C-alpha atoms as a PDB file:
ATOM      1  CA  MET A   1     172.507 122.782  -7.504  1.00  0.00           C
ATOM      2  CA  GLU A   2     171.778 121.991  -4.174  1.00  0.00           C
ATOM      3  CA  GLY A   3     169.018 120.135  -2.513  1.00  0.00           C
ATOM      4  CA  ARG A   4     168.153 120.302   1.630  1.00  0.00           C
ATOM      5  CA  ILE A   5     168.269 116.953   1.971  1.00  0.00           C
ATOM      6  CA  HIS A   6     166.788 115.290   5.258  1.00  0.00           C
ATOM      7  CA  SER A   7     167.951 111.786   5.252  1.00  0.00           C
ATOM      8  CA  LEU A   8     169.602 109.280   2.894  1.00  0.00           C
ATOM      9  CA  GLN A   9     169.203 105.747   3.085  1.00  0.00           C
ATOM     10  CA  SER A  10     170.834 102.318   1.240  1.00  0.00           C
ATOM     11  CA  MET A  11     169.111  98.925   0.432  1.00  0.00           C
ATOM     12  CA  GLY A  12     165.472 100.411   0.509  1.00  0.00           C
ATOM     13  CA  ALA A  13     163.229  97.371  -0.709  1.00  0.00           C
ATOM     14  CA  VAL A  14     159.930  98.878  -0.580  1.00  0.00           C
ATOM     15  CA  ASP A  15     160.200 102.121  -2.846  1.00  0.00           C
ATOM     16  CA  GLY A  16     160.147 100.801  -6.236  1.00  0.00           C
ATOM     17  CA  PRO A  17     161.761  97.621  -7.761  1.00  0.00           C
ATOM     18  CA  GLY A  18     164.903  95.725  -6.635  1.00  0.00           C
ATOM     19  CA  LEU A  19     167.363  97.565  -4.330  1.00  0.00           C
ATOM     20  CA  ARG A  20     167.215 101.720  -3.839  1.00  0.00           C
ATOM     21  CA  TYR A  21     169.025 103.943  -2.834  1.00  0.00           C
ATOM     22  CA  LEU A  22     167.078 106.222  -0.829  1.00  0.00           C
ATOM     23  CA  VAL A  23     167.123 110.327  -1.118  1.00  0.00           C
ATOM     24  CA  PHE A  24     164.299 112.125   1.230  1.00  0.00           C
ATOM     25  CA  LEU A  25     164.292 115.717   0.840  1.00  0.00           C
ATOM     26  CA  GLN A  26     163.485 118.123   3.590  1.00  0.00           C
ATOM     27  CA  GLY A  27     160.066 120.054   3.418  1.00  0.00           C
ATOM     28  CA  CYS A  28     156.511 119.516   2.999  1.00  0.00           C
ATOM     29  CA  PRO A  29     153.301 121.532   3.033  1.00  0.00           C
ATOM     30  CA  MET A  30     150.854 118.896   3.956  1.00  0.00           C
ATOM     31  CA  ARG A  31     149.756 117.731   7.433  1.00  0.00           C
ATOM     32  CA  CYS A  32     148.428 114.117   6.777  1.00  0.00           C
ATOM     33  CA  VAL A  33     147.241 112.787  10.525  1.00  0.00           C
ATOM     34  CA  TYR A  34     148.718 110.069   9.697  1.00  0.00           C
ATOM     35  CA  CYS A  35     152.349 111.138   9.001  1.00  0.00           C
ATOM     36  CA  HIS A  36     154.977 109.329   9.797  1.00  0.00           C
ATOM     37  CA  ASN A  37     157.946 112.193   9.208  1.00  0.00           C
ATOM     38  CA  PRO A  38     156.719 115.148  10.885  1.00  0.00           C
ATOM     39  CA  ASP A  39     160.606 115.825  11.532  1.00  0.00           C
ATOM     40  CA  THR A  40     160.686 116.553   7.882  1.00  0.00           C
ATOM     41  CA  TRP A  41     157.223 119.288   7.219  1.00  0.00           C
ATOM     42  CA  ASP A  42     160.503 122.287   8.355  1.00  0.00           C
ATOM     43  CA  PHE A  43     161.442 123.808   4.659  1.00  0.00           C
ATOM     44  CA  SER A  44     164.819 125.222   6.610  1.00  0.00           C
ATOM     45  CA  ALA A  45     165.862 121.974   8.427  1.00  0.00           C
ATOM     46  CA  GLY A  46     168.160 119.232   6.953  1.00  0.00           C
ATOM     47  CA  GLU A  47     171.415 119.502   5.227  1.00  0.00           C
ATOM     48  CA  GLU A  48     172.252 121.164   1.882  1.00  0.00           C
ATOM     49  CA  ILE A  49     173.839 118.645  -0.972  1.00  0.00           C
ATOM     50  CA  SER A  50     174.410 118.866  -4.352  1.00  0.00           C
ATOM     51  CA  SER A  51     173.096 116.950  -6.720  1.00  0.00           C
ATOM     52  CA  ASP A  52     176.702 115.629  -7.915  1.00  0.00           C
ATOM     53  CA  GLU A  53     177.650 114.887  -4.675  1.00  0.00           C
ATOM     54  CA  LEU A  54     174.481 112.691  -4.521  1.00  0.00           C
ATOM     55  CA  VAL A  55     174.702 110.922  -7.693  1.00  0.00           C
ATOM     56  CA  ARG A  56     178.492 109.707  -6.491  1.00  0.00           C
ATOM     57  CA  ARG A  57     177.054 108.468  -3.424  1.00  0.00           C
ATOM     58  CA  ALA A  58     174.354 106.787  -5.911  1.00  0.00           C
ATOM     59  CA  LEU A  59     176.914 105.271  -7.772  1.00  0.00           C
ATOM     60  CA  ARG A  60     178.803 103.356  -4.963  1.00  0.00           C
ATOM     61  CA  PHE A  61     175.790 101.270  -5.002  1.00  0.00           C
ATOM     62  CA  ARG A  62     175.619 100.308  -8.970  1.00  0.00           C
ATOM     63  CA  PRO A  63     176.389  96.904  -8.335  1.00  0.00           C
ATOM     64  CA  PHE A  64     173.269  96.452  -6.047  1.00  0.00           C
ATOM     65  CA  PHE A  65     171.134  97.976  -8.648  1.00  0.00           C
ATOM     66  CA  ALA A  66     171.438  94.988 -11.220  1.00  0.00           C
ATOM     67  CA  ASN A  67     168.205  93.238 -10.288  1.00  0.00           C
ATOM     68  CA  GLY A  68     165.885  96.394 -11.235  1.00  0.00           C
ATOM     69  CA  GLY A  69     166.787  98.786  -8.733  1.00  0.00           C
ATOM     70  CA  GLY A  70     167.938 102.592  -8.480  1.00  0.00           C
ATOM     71  CA  VAL A  71     167.316 105.667  -6.796  1.00  0.00           C
ATOM     72  CA  THR A  72     164.360 106.628  -5.210  1.00  0.00           C
ATOM     73  CA  VAL A  73     163.835 110.330  -4.056  1.00  0.00           C
ATOM     74  CA  SER A  74     161.050 111.006  -1.533  1.00  0.00           C
ATOM     75  CA  GLY A  75     160.285 113.774   1.328  1.00  0.00           C
ATOM     76  CA  GLY A  76     159.174 115.262   3.081  1.00  0.00           C
ATOM     77  CA  GLU A  77     157.533 115.873  -0.769  1.00  0.00           C
ATOM     78  CA  ALA A  78     160.091 115.868  -3.647  1.00  0.00           C
ATOM     79  CA  LEU A  79     157.780 117.824  -5.844  1.00  0.00           C
ATOM     80  CA  CYS A  80     158.841 121.016  -3.426  1.00  0.00           C
ATOM     81  CA  GLN A  81     162.420 120.781  -4.685  1.00  0.00           C
ATOM     82  CA  GLY A  82     161.177 119.656  -8.427  1.00  0.00           C
ATOM     83  CA  GLU A  83     164.145 121.834 -10.487  1.00  0.00           C
ATOM     84  CA  PHE A  84     166.178 120.104  -7.893  1.00  0.00           C
ATOM     85  CA  VAL A  85     165.132 116.493  -8.867  1.00  0.00           C
ATOM     86  CA  ALA A  86     164.573 117.223 -12.542  1.00  0.00           C
ATOM     87  CA  GLU A  87     168.667 117.916 -12.613  1.00  0.00           C
ATOM     88  CA  LEU A  88     169.816 115.044  -9.740  1.00  0.00           C
ATOM     89  CA  PHE A  89     167.062 112.231 -12.166  1.00  0.00           C
ATOM     90  CA  ALA A  90     169.146 113.678 -15.564  1.00  0.00           C
ATOM     91  CA  LYS A  91     172.449 112.943 -14.048  1.00  0.00           C
ATOM     92  CA  LEU A  92     171.230 109.622 -12.795  1.00  0.00           C
ATOM     93  CA  GLN A  93     169.663 108.614 -16.095  1.00  0.00           C
ATOM     94  CA  GLN A  94     173.021 109.844 -17.804  1.00  0.00           C
ATOM     95  CA  ASN A  95     174.597 107.217 -15.650  1.00  0.00           C
ATOM     96  CA  ASN A  96     172.071 104.598 -16.331  1.00  0.00           C
ATOM     97  CA  ILE A  97     170.197 104.828 -12.820  1.00  0.00           C
ATOM     98  CA  HIS A  98     166.578 104.189 -12.517  1.00  0.00           C
ATOM     99  CA  THR A  99     165.317 106.718 -11.197  1.00  0.00           C
ATOM    100  CA  ALA A 100     161.688 106.663  -8.783  1.00  0.00           C
ATOM    101  CA  LEU A 101     159.820 109.501  -7.662  1.00  0.00           C
ATOM    102  CA  ASP A 102     157.751 109.058  -4.239  1.00  0.00           C
ATOM    103  CA  THR A 103     155.559 111.744  -4.218  1.00  0.00           C
ATOM    104  CA  SER A 104     152.023 112.605  -2.989  1.00  0.00           C
ATOM    105  CA  GLY A 105     151.383 114.564  -6.353  1.00  0.00           C
ATOM    106  CA  MET A 106     150.995 117.710  -4.724  1.00  0.00           C
ATOM    107  CA  TYR A 107     152.808 119.986  -7.278  1.00  0.00           C
ATOM    108  CA  LEU A 108     153.536 123.434  -6.492  1.00  0.00           C
ATOM    109  CA  ASP A 109     154.059 124.423 -10.252  1.00  0.00           C
ATOM    110  CA  LEU A 110     152.975 121.755 -12.705  1.00  0.00           C
ATOM    111  CA  SER A 111     156.051 123.012 -15.928  1.00  0.00           C
ATOM    112  CA  VAL A 112     158.302 122.092 -12.875  1.00  0.00           C
ATOM    113  CA  ALA A 113     156.631 119.108 -11.930  1.00  0.00           C
ATOM    114  CA  GLU A 114     156.592 117.887 -15.831  1.00  0.00           C
ATOM    115  CA  ARG A 115     160.843 118.909 -16.170  1.00  0.00           C
ATOM    116  CA  VAL A 116     160.666 116.064 -13.417  1.00  0.00           C
ATOM    117  CA  LEU A 117     158.875 113.742 -14.820  1.00  0.00           C
ATOM    118  CA  ASN A 118     160.906 114.093 -18.100  1.00  0.00           C
ATOM    119  CA  HIS A 119     163.642 112.103 -16.232  1.00  0.00           C
ATOM    120  CA  THR A 120     161.635 109.586 -14.008  1.00  0.00           C
ATOM    121  CA  ASP A 121     161.186 106.221 -14.664  1.00  0.00           C
ATOM    122  CA  LEU A 122     158.655 105.479 -12.198  1.00  0.00           C
ATOM    123  CA  VAL A 123     156.024 107.225 -10.441  1.00  0.00           C
ATOM    124  CA  LEU A 124     155.605 106.401  -6.691  1.00  0.00           C
ATOM    125  CA  CYS A 125     151.651 108.164  -6.175  1.00  0.00           C
ATOM    126  CA  ASP A 126     149.767 108.152  -3.038  1.00  0.00           C
ATOM    127  CA  ILE A 127     146.070 109.036  -3.267  1.00  0.00           C
ATOM    128  CA  LYS A 128     145.346 109.433   0.728  1.00  0.00           C
ATOM    129  CA  PHE A 129     141.323 110.083   0.011  1.00  0.00           C
ATOM    130  CA  ALA A 130     138.990 109.362  -2.432  1.00  0.00           C
ATOM    131  CA  ALA A 131     136.976 112.369  -2.158  1.00  0.00           C
ATOM    132  CA  GLU A 132     138.068 116.564  -1.797  1.00  0.00           C
ATOM    133  CA  ALA A 133     136.868 117.343   1.570  1.00  0.00           C
ATOM    134  CA  ALA A 134     138.433 114.410   3.426  1.00  0.00           C
ATOM    135  CA  TYR A 135     141.767 115.642   1.551  1.00  0.00           C
ATOM    136  CA  LEU A 136     140.961 118.848   2.862  1.00  0.00           C
ATOM    137  CA  ALA A 137     140.273 118.004   6.525  1.00  0.00           C
ATOM    138  CA  HIS A 138     142.641 115.324   6.841  1.00  0.00           C
ATOM    139  CA  SER A 139     145.918 116.122   4.983  1.00  0.00           C
ATOM    140  CA  GLY A 140     145.556 119.868   3.996  1.00  0.00           C
ATOM    141  CA  GLY A 141     145.876 118.934   0.494  1.00  0.00           C
ATOM    142  CA  SER A 142     143.521 118.813  -2.591  1.00  0.00           C
ATOM    143  CA  LEU A 143     142.516 115.296  -4.912  1.00  0.00           C
ATOM    144  CA  LYS A 144     142.020 117.439  -7.815  1.00  0.00           C
ATOM    145  CA  ARG A 145     145.947 118.414  -8.063  1.00  0.00           C
ATOM    146  CA  VAL A 146     147.160 115.149  -7.089  1.00  0.00           C
ATOM    147  CA  MET A 147     144.817 113.949 -10.288  1.00  0.00           C
ATOM    148  CA  GLU A 148     145.968 116.839 -12.630  1.00  0.00           C
ATOM    149  CA  PHE A 149     149.294 115.042 -11.629  1.00  0.00           C
ATOM    150  CA  LEU A 150     148.414 111.517 -12.517  1.00  0.00           C
ATOM    151  CA  SER A 151     147.084 113.137 -15.675  1.00  0.00           C
ATOM    152  CA  LEU A 152     150.575 114.786 -15.977  1.00  0.00           C
ATOM    153  CA  CYS A 153     152.150 111.256 -15.960  1.00  0.00           C
ATOM    154  CA  GLU A 154     149.917 109.529 -18.384  1.00  0.00           C
ATOM    155  CA  LYS A 155     150.813 112.566 -20.699  1.00  0.00           C
ATOM    156  CA  CYS A 156     154.714 112.012 -19.879  1.00  0.00           C
ATOM    157  CA  SER A 157     153.993 108.214 -20.199  1.00  0.00           C
ATOM    158  CA  VAL A 158     155.452 107.202 -17.023  1.00  0.00           C
ATOM    159  CA  PRO A 159     154.937 104.291 -15.237  1.00  0.00           C
ATOM    160  CA  VAL A 160     152.510 104.667 -11.637  1.00  0.00           C
ATOM    161  CA  TRP A 161     152.330 102.835  -8.835  1.00  0.00           C
ATOM    162  CA  VAL A 162     149.343 103.887  -6.986  1.00  0.00           C
ATOM    163  CA  ARG A 163     149.582 103.681  -2.736  1.00  0.00           C
ATOM    164  CA  HIS A 164     146.860 104.189  -0.140  1.00  0.00           C
ATOM    165  CA  VAL A 165     147.028 104.250   3.663  1.00  0.00           C
ATOM    166  CA  VAL A 166     144.628 102.145   5.078  1.00  0.00           C
ATOM    167  CA  THR A 167     143.877 103.955   8.462  1.00  0.00           C
ATOM    168  CA  PRO A 168     140.940 101.929  10.695  1.00  0.00           C
ATOM    169  CA  GLY A 169     137.841 104.360  11.262  1.00  0.00           C
ATOM    170  CA  LEU A 170     139.247 106.789   8.241  1.00  0.00           C
ATOM    171  CA  THR A 171     139.766 104.941   5.339  1.00  0.00           C
ATOM    172  CA  ASP A 172     139.308 100.721   5.910  1.00  0.00           C
ATOM    173  CA  THR A 173     136.085 100.596   4.302  1.00  0.00           C
ATOM    174  CA  LYS A 174     135.450  98.526   1.045  1.00  0.00           C
ATOM    175  CA  GLU A 175     134.126 101.874  -0.439  1.00  0.00           C
ATOM    176  CA  GLU A 176     136.722 103.683   0.226  1.00  0.00           C
ATOM    177  CA  VAL A 177     139.114 101.485  -1.301  1.00  0.00           C
ATOM    178  CA  GLU A 178     136.851 100.579  -3.875  1.00  0.00           C
ATOM    179  CA  ALA A 179     136.950 104.519  -4.881  1.00  0.00           C
ATOM    180  CA  ILE A 180     140.305 104.945  -4.522  1.00  0.00           C
ATOM    181  CA  ILE A 181     140.919 102.035  -7.540  1.00  0.00           C
ATOM    182  CA  LYS A 182     138.546 103.671  -9.778  1.00  0.00           C
ATOM    183  CA  LEU A 183     140.354 106.931  -9.019  1.00  0.00           C
ATOM    184  CA  ALA A 184     143.354 104.982 -10.018  1.00  0.00           C
ATOM    185  CA  LYS A 185     142.657 103.247 -12.888  1.00  0.00           C
ATOM    186  CA  LYS A 186     141.552 106.875 -14.234  1.00  0.00           C
ATOM    187  CA  CYS A 187     145.829 106.658 -15.390  1.00  0.00           C
ATOM    188  CA  ALA A 188     146.446 105.135 -18.510  1.00  0.00           C
ATOM    189  CA  THR A 189     150.151 104.135 -17.273  1.00  0.00           C
ATOM    190  CA  LEU A 190     149.063 102.827 -14.003  1.00  0.00           C
ATOM    191  CA  GLU A 191     151.236  99.803 -12.977  1.00  0.00           C
ATOM    192  CA  LYS A 192     150.327  98.526  -9.748  1.00  0.00           C
ATOM    193  CA  ILE A 193     148.225 100.328  -6.673  1.00  0.00           C
ATOM    194  CA  GLU A 194     149.318  98.711  -3.373  1.00  0.00           C
ATOM    195  CA  LEU A 195     147.474  99.190   0.036  1.00  0.00           C
ATOM    196  CA  LEU A 196     149.994  99.972   2.890  1.00  0.00           C
ATOM    197  CA  PRO A 197     148.948  99.804   6.610  1.00  0.00           C
ATOM    198  CA  PHE A 198     148.745 102.287   9.224  1.00  0.00           C
ATOM    199  CA  LYS A 199     151.278 102.102  11.846  1.00  0.00           C
ATOM    200  CA  LYS A 200     152.047 104.170  14.976  1.00  0.00           C
ATOM    201  CA  LEU A 201     155.673 103.643  14.764  1.00  0.00           C
ATOM    202  CA  CYS A 202     155.750 107.266  14.472  1.00  0.00           C
ATOM    203  CA  LEU A 203     154.792 107.967  18.372  1.00  0.00           C
ATOM    204  CA  THR A 204     158.097 108.370  19.025  1.00  0.00           C
ATOM    205  CA  LYS A 205     159.143 111.416  17.347  1.00  0.00           C
ATOM    206  CA  TYR A 206     155.826 113.240  17.926  1.00  0.00           C
ATOM    207  CA  GLN A 207     156.528 113.161  21.688  1.00  0.00           C
ATOM    208  CA  SER A 208     160.083 114.015  21.300  1.00  0.00           C
ATOM    209  CA  MET A 209     158.635 117.201  19.251  1.00  0.00           C
ATOM    210  CA  GLY A 210     156.390 118.175  21.606  1.00  0.00           C
ATOM    211  CA  ILE A 211     153.775 117.867  18.909  1.00  0.00           C
ATOM    212  CA  PRO A 212     150.506 115.534  19.451  1.00  0.00           C
ATOM    213  CA  PHE A 213     149.817 112.700  16.934  1.00  0.00           C
ATOM    214  CA  PRO A 214     146.510 113.427  16.010  1.00  0.00           C
ATOM    215  CA  LEU A 215     145.253 109.438  15.640  1.00  0.00           C
ATOM    216  CA  GLU A 216     147.399 108.611  18.661  1.00  0.00           C
ATOM    217  CA  GLU A 217     143.993 106.390  20.376  1.00  0.00           C
ATOM    218  CA  VAL A 218     143.543 104.671  16.382  1.00  0.00           C
ATOM    219  CA  PRO A 219     144.423 101.220  16.860  1.00  0.00           C
ATOM    220  CA  GLU A 220     146.967  99.930  13.746  1.00  0.00           C
ATOM    221  CA  CYS A 221     145.668  98.402  10.610  1.00  0.00           C
ATOM    222  CA  SER A 222     145.435  94.485  10.924  1.00  0.00           C
ATOM    223  CA  LYS A 223     147.380  92.272   8.573  1.00  0.00           C
ATOM    224  CA  GLU A 224     143.608  90.743   7.953  1.00  0.00           C
ATOM    225  CA  LEU A 225     141.992  94.012   7.205  1.00  0.00           C
ATOM    226  CA  LEU A 226     144.434  94.599   4.529  1.00  0.00           C
ATOM    227  CA  GLU A 227     144.489  91.386   3.063  1.00  0.00           C
ATOM    228  CA  SER A 228     140.854  91.556   2.913  1.00  0.00           C
ATOM    229  CA  LEU A 229     141.049  94.969   1.371  1.00  0.00           C
ATOM    230  CA  SER A 230     143.719  94.387  -1.014  1.00  0.00           C
ATOM    231  CA  ASP A 231     141.419  91.415  -2.241  1.00  0.00           C
ATOM    232  CA  LEU A 232     138.904  94.380  -3.973  1.00  0.00           C
ATOM    233  CA  ILE A 233     142.597  95.194  -6.148  1.00  0.00           C
ATOM    234  CA  PRO A 234     142.327  93.303  -9.962  1.00  0.00           C
ATOM    235  CA  THR A 235     144.937  90.625 -10.086  1.00  0.00           C
ATOM    236  CA  HIS A 236     147.229  92.526 -12.675  1.00  0.00           C
ATOM    237  CA  LEU A 237     147.407  95.103 -10.250  1.00  0.00           C
ATOM    238  CA  ARG A 238     148.845  93.749  -7.362  1.00  0.00           C
END
């Protein structure tokens, strides 16, 4: 089976444990106001690559996976190509390679998402907002569907790391972060909660594509703000 690939990156260190081979899939139905990769939105763009070819490429980096590394599939939204990811992950696991799924949790078909999770060693799930209305207004997504996906992770006994982007004026309050923590803790397989700072490194992408960046005038998240909010996370989940 072939998947539509946006890009590949070797030696990633922030998308799961250890050093990772990163596969960024093309296509995303969401339009998050702070999205860093508008170039991944178009489902018809990218390059078609087979699962066998990706496994072959990933295996070249096996020596670097010794300390808990492996392959992370991200996007775009990886669950939009769920059948492909399930096949890729199954082949990677046959080669004893750790698999991680980086997702917004916005599945298209819950049964397909379950097939992906059957071959997933770790889920990195972004809970973007703590309320349904905010999800719809600022990302076009649904908190309800994300929580359904996290329930499925629990059913499939897949460990979960929850991530949340701290955006000044939007998701940067103590109350918002406490609500995110509460939502995350509903998943029994939760292992970790990470707060990520809003940055504007993507601004040149928007400008080159002729797309206005909705948060162009919003300041970046400071180190001090991120640290103060991170202190709200229980020690065992940091």
